[in-house]
Amino acid sequence: MLPNILDGAKVLFFSSKDDYGIMCDTECNVVAHFKYLAICKYDDSEGYYLFKCNEEYEVESDFLCDSIEMCMSVASNSCNKEIIWIENK
């Protein structure tokens, strides 16, 4: 299970472990495999962040959105799959 805090932001929703894509460098070498997704919020931010994390729950990529729903939509579209979100309570 993902930690309650990632990079100083509170985890609101997270995904189960799966393959959510990769990140490549400028020479097309794979530098990260995304295994978890999380929707997070910093206390001092108005927006919500979609974090893509590696197997060790380290944030490899982030994307700022206006709403939780937008984060969910961006995640589904970028991964080309339906994502089941788990609310972090």
C-alpha atoms as a PDB file:
ATOM      1  CA  MET A   1       0.000   0.000   0.000  1.00  0.00           C
ATOM      2  CA  LEU A   2       1.222   3.460  -0.851  1.00  0.00           C
ATOM      3  CA  PRO A   3       2.366   5.765   1.946  1.00  0.00           C
ATOM      4  CA  ASN A   4      -0.041   8.465   3.190  1.00  0.00           C
ATOM      5  CA  ILE A   5       2.410  11.178   2.065  1.00  0.00           C
ATOM      6  CA  LEU A   6       4.374  11.289  -1.211  1.00  0.00           C
ATOM      7  CA  ASP A   7       6.888  14.081  -1.819  1.00  0.00           C
ATOM      8  CA  GLY A   8       5.231  16.102   0.955  1.00  0.00           C
ATOM      9  CA  ALA A   9       1.721  15.816  -0.530  1.00  0.00           C
ATOM     10  CA  LYS A  10      -1.216  13.971   1.047  1.00  0.00           C
ATOM     11  CA  VAL A  11      -2.325  10.892  -0.903  1.00  0.00           C
ATOM     12  CA  LEU A  12      -6.086  11.103  -1.566  1.00  0.00           C
ATOM     13  CA  PHE A  13      -6.497   8.212  -4.037  1.00  0.00           C
ATOM     14  CA  PHE A  14      -4.176   5.512  -5.310  1.00  0.00           C
ATOM     15  CA  SER A  15      -4.175   2.598  -7.734  1.00  0.00           C
ATOM     16  CA  SER A  16      -3.275  -1.017  -7.266  1.00  0.00           C
ATOM     17  CA  LYS A  17       0.065  -2.188  -8.641  1.00  0.00           C
ATOM     18  CA  ASP A  18       0.018  -2.523 -12.436  1.00  0.00           C
ATOM     19  CA  ASP A  19       1.920  -1.418 -15.521  1.00  0.00           C
ATOM     20  CA  TYR A  20       1.097   2.255 -16.097  1.00  0.00           C
ATOM     21  CA  GLY A  21       3.769   3.052 -18.660  1.00  0.00           C
ATOM     22  CA  ILE A  22       7.396   4.041 -18.800  1.00  0.00           C
ATOM     23  CA  MET A  23       9.525   7.167 -18.912  1.00  0.00           C
ATOM     24  CA  CYS A  24      12.407   7.471 -21.378  1.00  0.00           C
ATOM     25  CA  ASP A  25      15.328   9.841 -21.542  1.00  0.00           C
ATOM     26  CA  THR A  26      16.241  11.924 -24.602  1.00  0.00           C
ATOM     27  CA  GLU A  27      18.050   8.934 -26.126  1.00  0.00           C
ATOM     28  CA  CYS A  28      14.947   6.688 -25.762  1.00  0.00           C
ATOM     29  CA  ASN A  29      16.441   4.685 -22.891  1.00  0.00           C
ATOM     30  CA  VAL A  30      13.867   3.570 -20.331  1.00  0.00           C
ATOM     31  CA  VAL A  31      14.599   5.320 -17.042  1.00  0.00           C
ATOM     32  CA  ALA A  32      11.423   4.497 -15.081  1.00  0.00           C
ATOM     33  CA  HIS A  33       8.602   1.972 -15.011  1.00  0.00           C
ATOM     34  CA  PHE A  34       5.369   3.356 -13.545  1.00  0.00           C
ATOM     35  CA  LYS A  35       3.818   0.774 -11.219  1.00  0.00           C
ATOM     36  CA  TYR A  36       1.495   2.907  -9.065  1.00  0.00           C
ATOM     37  CA  LEU A  37      -0.584   6.030  -9.585  1.00  0.00           C
ATOM     38  CA  ALA A  38      -1.621   8.452  -6.862  1.00  0.00           C
ATOM     39  CA  ILE A  39      -3.749  11.574  -6.703  1.00  0.00           C
ATOM     40  CA  CYS A  40      -2.267  13.917  -4.140  1.00  0.00           C
ATOM     41  CA  LYS A  41      -2.677  17.416  -2.740  1.00  0.00           C
ATOM     42  CA  TYR A  42      -0.192  19.747  -1.112  1.00  0.00           C
ATOM     43  CA  ASP A  43      -1.600  21.796   1.782  1.00  0.00           C
ATOM     44  CA  ASP A  44      -0.640  25.080   0.126  1.00  0.00           C
ATOM     45  CA  SER A  45      -1.798  24.182  -3.407  1.00  0.00           C
ATOM     46  CA  GLU A  46      -5.189  24.747  -5.013  1.00  0.00           C
ATOM     47  CA  GLY A  47      -4.661  21.980  -7.574  1.00  0.00           C
ATOM     48  CA  TYR A  48      -4.300  18.229  -7.414  1.00  0.00           C
ATOM     49  CA  TYR A  49      -1.356  16.195  -8.596  1.00  0.00           C
ATOM     50  CA  LEU A  50      -1.324  12.937 -10.497  1.00  0.00           C
ATOM     51  CA  PHE A  51       1.830  11.148  -9.412  1.00  0.00           C
ATOM     52  CA  LYS A  52       3.271   8.224 -11.350  1.00  0.00           C
ATOM     53  CA  CYS A  53       5.416   6.113  -9.032  1.00  0.00           C
ATOM     54  CA  ASN A  54       7.911   3.307  -9.394  1.00  0.00           C
ATOM     55  CA  GLU A  55       7.819  -0.004  -7.538  1.00  0.00           C
ATOM     56  CA  GLU A  56       9.392   1.596  -4.443  1.00  0.00           C
ATOM     57  CA  TYR A  57       6.646   4.289  -4.313  1.00  0.00           C
ATOM     58  CA  GLU A  58       9.055   6.986  -5.471  1.00  0.00           C
ATOM     59  CA  VAL A  59       7.452   9.719  -7.573  1.00  0.00           C
ATOM     60  CA  GLU A  60       8.920   9.608 -11.071  1.00  0.00           C
ATOM     61  CA  SER A  61       6.467  11.981 -12.788  1.00  0.00           C
ATOM     62  CA  ASP A  62       3.775  14.445 -11.774  1.00  0.00           C
ATOM     63  CA  PHE A  63       1.016  16.352 -13.505  1.00  0.00           C
ATOM     64  CA  LEU A  64      -0.942  19.261 -12.023  1.00  0.00           C
ATOM     65  CA  CYS A  65      -4.721  19.264 -12.529  1.00  0.00           C
ATOM     66  CA  ASP A  66      -7.615  21.456 -11.417  1.00  0.00           C
ATOM     67  CA  SER A  67      -9.646  18.620  -9.918  1.00  0.00           C
ATOM     68  CA  ILE A  68      -9.544  15.022  -8.745  1.00  0.00           C
ATOM     69  CA  GLU A  69     -11.768  14.067 -11.674  1.00  0.00           C
ATOM     70  CA  MET A  70      -9.315  15.621 -14.124  1.00  0.00           C
ATOM     71  CA  CYS A  71      -6.461  13.619 -12.557  1.00  0.00           C
ATOM     72  CA  MET A  72      -8.484  10.437 -12.991  1.00  0.00           C
ATOM     73  CA  SER A  73      -9.272  11.275 -16.613  1.00  0.00           C
ATOM     74  CA  VAL A  74      -5.656  12.135 -17.457  1.00  0.00           C
ATOM     75  CA  ALA A  75      -4.497   8.871 -15.873  1.00  0.00           C
ATOM     76  CA  SER A  76      -7.000   6.747 -17.809  1.00  0.00           C
ATOM     77  CA  ASN A  77      -6.203   8.486 -21.086  1.00  0.00           C
ATOM     78  CA  SER A  78      -2.429   8.332 -20.694  1.00  0.00           C
ATOM     79  CA  CYS A  79      -2.481   4.653 -19.690  1.00  0.00           C
ATOM     80  CA  ASN A  80      -5.206   3.613 -22.152  1.00  0.00           C
ATOM     81  CA  LYS A  81      -7.002   1.641 -19.455  1.00  0.00           C
ATOM     82  CA  GLU A  82      -9.695   1.946 -16.843  1.00  0.00           C
ATOM     83  CA  ILE A  83      -8.136   2.539 -13.447  1.00  0.00           C
ATOM     84  CA  ILE A  84      -9.792   1.465 -10.233  1.00  0.00           C
ATOM     85  CA  TRP A  85      -9.069   4.121  -7.637  1.00  0.00           C
ATOM     86  CA  ILE A  86      -8.806   3.350  -3.944  1.00  0.00           C
ATOM     87  CA  GLU A  87      -9.625   6.193  -1.571  1.00  0.00           C
ATOM     88  CA  ASN A  88      -6.949   6.732   1.062  1.00  0.00           C
ATOM     89  CA  LYS A  89      -8.722   7.063   4.391  1.00  0.00           C
END
